[in-house]
Amino acid sequence: MVDPARALDGLRDIHWPVAADAAGPVVTMILIGCLLAGGLSAGLWPLLRRWRAVRRSALAALAASRSLDPPERLAAQAVLLRRLVRTIDGDAAGRLQGRDWLERLDRLFATRFFTEGAGSGFGEALYRPPSGEDPDRHIDALDASLARLFAGISR
């Protein structure tokens, strides 16, 4: 049997495992990654704030157009779309016409609403003389669709 007074003689001092020597570079890389992520988020913050400001402004202008009569409301929405595209994609994009214009709107909002849906009325149909169709009939649905699209602005 082992003498209790000598039982601890075989133990060695506490020490770090060998793998801890390799952890130094790993910890350094983690710290560098955190610093870079902080820098990127600081750089992205103004951009995110700008997107939120554009979204708020577009939704406010859309809400303000609701008090107009249907033909004026449609024209105000068309002007708003032009202004929005110029703000996000630049002046050249805001000057597009016809099918190119509708395709740009679809790309911007990630939809087919403008080329295949009710949003096609913001293309060449906007400049045609009014047909016998009642303009009040679709304006609220069009307005709701635009509000949904504007709420999703993230760039």
C-alpha atoms as a PDB file:
ATOM      1  CA  MET A   1       0.000   0.000   0.000  1.00  0.00           C
ATOM      2  CA  VAL A   2       1.148   3.554  -0.713  1.00  0.00           C
ATOM      3  CA  ASP A   3       2.129   5.802   2.092  1.00  0.00           C
ATOM      4  CA  PRO A   4      -0.414   8.708   2.160  1.00  0.00           C
ATOM      5  CA  ALA A   5       2.335  11.220   2.792  1.00  0.00           C
ATOM      6  CA  ARG A   6       4.060  10.235  -0.446  1.00  0.00           C
ATOM      7  CA  ALA A   7       0.905   9.806  -2.605  1.00  0.00           C
ATOM      8  CA  LEU A   8       1.276  13.199  -4.295  1.00  0.00           C
ATOM      9  CA  ASP A   9       4.955  12.808  -5.140  1.00  0.00           C
ATOM     10  CA  GLY A  10       4.182  11.280  -8.547  1.00  0.00           C
ATOM     11  CA  LEU A  11       2.073  14.226  -9.737  1.00  0.00           C
ATOM     12  CA  ARG A  12       3.483  16.937 -11.943  1.00  0.00           C
ATOM     13  CA  ASP A  13       2.656  20.631 -12.109  1.00  0.00           C
ATOM     14  CA  ILE A  14      -0.409  21.833 -14.044  1.00  0.00           C
ATOM     15  CA  HIS A  15       0.528  22.909 -17.568  1.00  0.00           C
ATOM     16  CA  TRP A  16      -1.183  23.854 -20.819  1.00  0.00           C
ATOM     17  CA  PRO A  17      -1.714  21.133 -23.382  1.00  0.00           C
ATOM     18  CA  VAL A  18       0.634  21.101 -26.345  1.00  0.00           C
ATOM     19  CA  ALA A  19      -2.211  22.243 -28.651  1.00  0.00           C
ATOM     20  CA  ALA A  20      -2.326  25.565 -26.791  1.00  0.00           C
ATOM     21  CA  ASP A  21       0.932  26.548 -28.459  1.00  0.00           C
ATOM     22  CA  ALA A  22      -0.869  26.392 -31.830  1.00  0.00           C
ATOM     23  CA  ALA A  23      -3.832  28.387 -30.480  1.00  0.00           C
ATOM     24  CA  GLY A  24      -1.875  31.651 -30.516  1.00  0.00           C
ATOM     25  CA  PRO A  25      -2.224  32.193 -34.295  1.00  0.00           C
ATOM     26  CA  VAL A  26      -5.839  31.009 -34.173  1.00  0.00           C
ATOM     27  CA  VAL A  27      -6.717  33.503 -31.441  1.00  0.00           C
ATOM     28  CA  THR A  28      -4.897  36.214 -33.398  1.00  0.00           C
ATOM     29  CA  MET A  29      -6.896  35.424 -36.543  1.00  0.00           C
ATOM     30  CA  ILE A  30     -10.161  35.464 -34.562  1.00  0.00           C
ATOM     31  CA  LEU A  31      -9.303  38.907 -33.186  1.00  0.00           C
ATOM     32  CA  ILE A  32      -8.386  40.185 -36.665  1.00  0.00           C
ATOM     33  CA  GLY A  33     -11.662  38.776 -38.019  1.00  0.00           C
ATOM     34  CA  CYS A  34     -13.634  40.543 -35.294  1.00  0.00           C
ATOM     35  CA  LEU A  35     -11.890  43.820 -36.026  1.00  0.00           C
ATOM     36  CA  LEU A  36     -12.567  43.470 -39.758  1.00  0.00           C
ATOM     37  CA  ALA A  37     -16.210  42.590 -39.143  1.00  0.00           C
ATOM     38  CA  GLY A  38     -16.548  45.658 -36.949  1.00  0.00           C
ATOM     39  CA  GLY A  39     -14.983  47.807 -39.657  1.00  0.00           C
ATOM     40  CA  LEU A  40     -17.237  46.378 -42.336  1.00  0.00           C
ATOM     41  CA  SER A  41     -20.331  46.867 -40.249  1.00  0.00           C
ATOM     42  CA  ALA A  42     -19.278  50.451 -39.555  1.00  0.00           C
ATOM     43  CA  GLY A  43     -18.874  50.938 -43.308  1.00  0.00           C
ATOM     44  CA  LEU A  44     -22.221  49.314 -44.079  1.00  0.00           C
ATOM     45  CA  TRP A  45     -24.160  51.231 -41.440  1.00  0.00           C
ATOM     46  CA  PRO A  46     -24.412  54.494 -43.452  1.00  0.00           C
ATOM     47  CA  LEU A  47     -25.477  52.510 -46.511  1.00  0.00           C
ATOM     48  CA  LEU A  48     -28.198  50.725 -44.542  1.00  0.00           C
ATOM     49  CA  ARG A  49     -29.385  54.044 -43.152  1.00  0.00           C
ATOM     50  CA  ARG A  50     -29.560  55.443 -46.684  1.00  0.00           C
ATOM     51  CA  TRP A  51     -31.662  52.491 -47.850  1.00  0.00           C
ATOM     52  CA  ARG A  52     -34.033  52.992 -44.941  1.00  0.00           C
ATOM     53  CA  ALA A  53     -34.294  56.693 -45.754  1.00  0.00           C
ATOM     54  CA  VAL A  54     -35.044  55.935 -49.422  1.00  0.00           C
ATOM     55  CA  ARG A  55     -37.680  53.375 -48.402  1.00  0.00           C
ATOM     56  CA  ARG A  56     -39.317  55.792 -45.920  1.00  0.00           C
ATOM     57  CA  SER A  57     -39.328  58.609 -48.441  1.00  0.00           C
ATOM     58  CA  ALA A  58     -40.837  56.426 -51.185  1.00  0.00           C
ATOM     59  CA  LEU A  59     -43.565  55.124 -48.886  1.00  0.00           C
ATOM     60  CA  ALA A  60     -44.360  58.653 -47.678  1.00  0.00           C
ATOM     61  CA  ALA A  61     -44.624  59.983 -51.244  1.00  0.00           C
ATOM     62  CA  LEU A  62     -46.826  57.043 -52.190  1.00  0.00           C
ATOM     63  CA  ALA A  63     -49.091  57.728 -49.213  1.00  0.00           C
ATOM     64  CA  ALA A  64     -49.276  61.412 -50.175  1.00  0.00           C
ATOM     65  CA  SER A  65     -50.430  60.465 -53.679  1.00  0.00           C
ATOM     66  CA  ARG A  66     -53.480  58.641 -52.295  1.00  0.00           C
ATOM     67  CA  SER A  67     -55.382  61.884 -51.923  1.00  0.00           C
ATOM     68  CA  LEU A  68     -55.184  62.585 -55.679  1.00  0.00           C
ATOM     69  CA  ASP A  69     -57.773  61.668 -58.292  1.00  0.00           C
ATOM     70  CA  PRO A  70     -56.923  58.399 -60.128  1.00  0.00           C
ATOM     71  CA  PRO A  71     -55.319  59.925 -63.259  1.00  0.00           C
ATOM     72  CA  GLU A  72     -53.183  62.322 -61.204  1.00  0.00           C
ATOM     73  CA  ARG A  73     -52.415  59.569 -58.720  1.00  0.00           C
ATOM     74  CA  LEU A  74     -51.132  57.316 -61.502  1.00  0.00           C
ATOM     75  CA  ALA A  75     -48.976  60.152 -62.864  1.00  0.00           C
ATOM     76  CA  ALA A  76     -47.601  60.879 -59.370  1.00  0.00           C
ATOM     77  CA  GLN A  77     -46.736  57.199 -58.933  1.00  0.00           C
ATOM     78  CA  ALA A  78     -44.963  57.182 -62.298  1.00  0.00           C
ATOM     79  CA  VAL A  79     -42.929  60.253 -61.292  1.00  0.00           C
ATOM     80  CA  LEU A  80     -42.137  58.596 -57.969  1.00  0.00           C
ATOM     81  CA  LEU A  81     -40.877  55.465 -59.739  1.00  0.00           C
ATOM     82  CA  ARG A  82     -38.611  57.570 -61.974  1.00  0.00           C
ATOM     83  CA  ARG A  83     -37.223  59.433 -58.971  1.00  0.00           C
ATOM     84  CA  LEU A  84     -36.708  56.215 -57.052  1.00  0.00           C
ATOM     85  CA  VAL A  85     -34.833  54.527 -59.903  1.00  0.00           C
ATOM     86  CA  ARG A  86     -32.636  57.608 -60.378  1.00  0.00           C
ATOM     87  CA  THR A  87     -31.823  57.617 -56.664  1.00  0.00           C
ATOM     88  CA  ILE A  88     -30.930  53.937 -56.540  1.00  0.00           C
ATOM     89  CA  ASP A  89     -29.532  53.163 -60.004  1.00  0.00           C
ATOM     90  CA  GLY A  90     -28.511  56.574 -61.360  1.00  0.00           C
ATOM     91  CA  ASP A  91     -29.703  59.049 -63.985  1.00  0.00           C
ATOM     92  CA  ALA A  92     -29.135  56.787 -66.983  1.00  0.00           C
ATOM     93  CA  ALA A  93     -31.461  54.147 -65.533  1.00  0.00           C
ATOM     94  CA  GLY A  94     -34.067  56.807 -64.816  1.00  0.00           C
ATOM     95  CA  ARG A  95     -34.143  57.806 -68.501  1.00  0.00           C
ATOM     96  CA  LEU A  96     -34.966  54.343 -69.860  1.00  0.00           C
ATOM     97  CA  GLN A  97     -38.138  53.983 -71.895  1.00  0.00           C
ATOM     98  CA  GLY A  98     -40.573  51.262 -72.933  1.00  0.00           C
ATOM     99  CA  ARG A  99     -39.742  47.632 -72.260  1.00  0.00           C
ATOM    100  CA  ASP A 100     -36.234  48.532 -70.985  1.00  0.00           C
ATOM    101  CA  TRP A 101     -37.818  50.738 -68.318  1.00  0.00           C
ATOM    102  CA  LEU A 102     -40.204  48.022 -67.183  1.00  0.00           C
ATOM    103  CA  GLU A 103     -37.394  45.450 -67.082  1.00  0.00           C
ATOM    104  CA  ARG A 104     -35.273  47.807 -64.962  1.00  0.00           C
ATOM    105  CA  LEU A 105     -38.160  48.170 -62.520  1.00  0.00           C
ATOM    106  CA  ASP A 106     -38.518  44.395 -62.368  1.00  0.00           C
ATOM    107  CA  ARG A 107     -34.796  43.969 -61.667  1.00  0.00           C
ATOM    108  CA  LEU A 108     -34.828  46.676 -59.024  1.00  0.00           C
ATOM    109  CA  PHE A 109     -37.755  45.161 -57.147  1.00  0.00           C
ATOM    110  CA  ALA A 110     -36.952  41.502 -57.995  1.00  0.00           C
ATOM    111  CA  THR A 111     -40.366  40.889 -59.516  1.00  0.00           C
ATOM    112  CA  ARG A 112     -42.196  40.432 -62.831  1.00  0.00           C
ATOM    113  CA  PHE A 113     -44.921  42.886 -61.804  1.00  0.00           C
ATOM    114  CA  PHE A 114     -43.914  45.556 -64.303  1.00  0.00           C
ATOM    115  CA  THR A 115     -43.334  43.413 -67.382  1.00  0.00           C
ATOM    116  CA  GLU A 116     -46.034  40.806 -66.854  1.00  0.00           C
ATOM    117  CA  GLY A 117     -48.458  42.286 -64.339  1.00  0.00           C
ATOM    118  CA  ALA A 118     -50.500  45.376 -63.610  1.00  0.00           C
ATOM    119  CA  GLY A 119     -47.311  47.434 -63.332  1.00  0.00           C
ATOM    120  CA  SER A 120     -47.002  47.364 -67.128  1.00  0.00           C
ATOM    121  CA  GLY A 121     -49.242  50.426 -67.029  1.00  0.00           C
ATOM    122  CA  PHE A 122     -46.143  52.413 -66.056  1.00  0.00           C
ATOM    123  CA  GLY A 123     -44.638  51.748 -69.477  1.00  0.00           C
ATOM    124  CA  GLU A 124     -45.879  53.006 -72.809  1.00  0.00           C
ATOM    125  CA  ALA A 125     -49.500  52.492 -71.697  1.00  0.00           C
ATOM    126  CA  LEU A 126     -49.061  55.452 -69.359  1.00  0.00           C
ATOM    127  CA  TYR A 127     -48.739  57.797 -72.351  1.00  0.00           C
ATOM    128  CA  ARG A 128     -51.628  56.476 -74.402  1.00  0.00           C
ATOM    129  CA  PRO A 129     -54.979  58.243 -74.404  1.00  0.00           C
ATOM    130  CA  PRO A 130     -57.259  56.799 -71.744  1.00  0.00           C
ATOM    131  CA  SER A 131     -59.358  53.880 -72.877  1.00  0.00           C
ATOM    132  CA  GLY A 132     -62.978  53.349 -71.899  1.00  0.00           C
ATOM    133  CA  GLU A 133     -61.747  51.496 -68.797  1.00  0.00           C
ATOM    134  CA  ASP A 134     -62.550  53.036 -65.420  1.00  0.00           C
ATOM    135  CA  PRO A 135     -59.262  54.330 -63.887  1.00  0.00           C
ATOM    136  CA  ASP A 136     -60.613  53.935 -60.339  1.00  0.00           C
ATOM    137  CA  ARG A 137     -60.942  50.210 -60.809  1.00  0.00           C
ATOM    138  CA  HIS A 138     -57.283  49.228 -60.551  1.00  0.00           C
ATOM    139  CA  ILE A 139     -55.619  52.171 -58.831  1.00  0.00           C
ATOM    140  CA  ASP A 140     -56.043  50.856 -55.272  1.00  0.00           C
ATOM    141  CA  ALA A 141     -54.650  47.433 -56.159  1.00  0.00           C
ATOM    142  CA  LEU A 142     -51.778  49.100 -58.004  1.00  0.00           C
ATOM    143  CA  ASP A 143     -51.125  51.332 -55.005  1.00  0.00           C
ATOM    144  CA  ALA A 144     -51.071  48.351 -52.627  1.00  0.00           C
ATOM    145  CA  SER A 145     -48.643  46.504 -54.905  1.00  0.00           C
ATOM    146  CA  LEU A 146     -46.322  49.507 -55.058  1.00  0.00           C
ATOM    147  CA  ALA A 147     -46.444  49.868 -51.271  1.00  0.00           C
ATOM    148  CA  ARG A 148     -45.389  46.212 -50.897  1.00  0.00           C
ATOM    149  CA  LEU A 149     -42.560  46.663 -53.387  1.00  0.00           C
ATOM    150  CA  PHE A 150     -41.352  49.895 -51.763  1.00  0.00           C
ATOM    151  CA  ALA A 151     -41.391  48.291 -48.324  1.00  0.00           C
ATOM    152  CA  GLY A 152     -38.908  45.726 -49.624  1.00  0.00           C
ATOM    153  CA  ILE A 153     -36.334  48.282 -50.778  1.00  0.00           C
ATOM    154  CA  SER A 154     -33.011  47.109 -49.424  1.00  0.00           C
ATOM    155  CA  ARG A 155     -30.447  48.539 -51.736  1.00  0.00           C
END
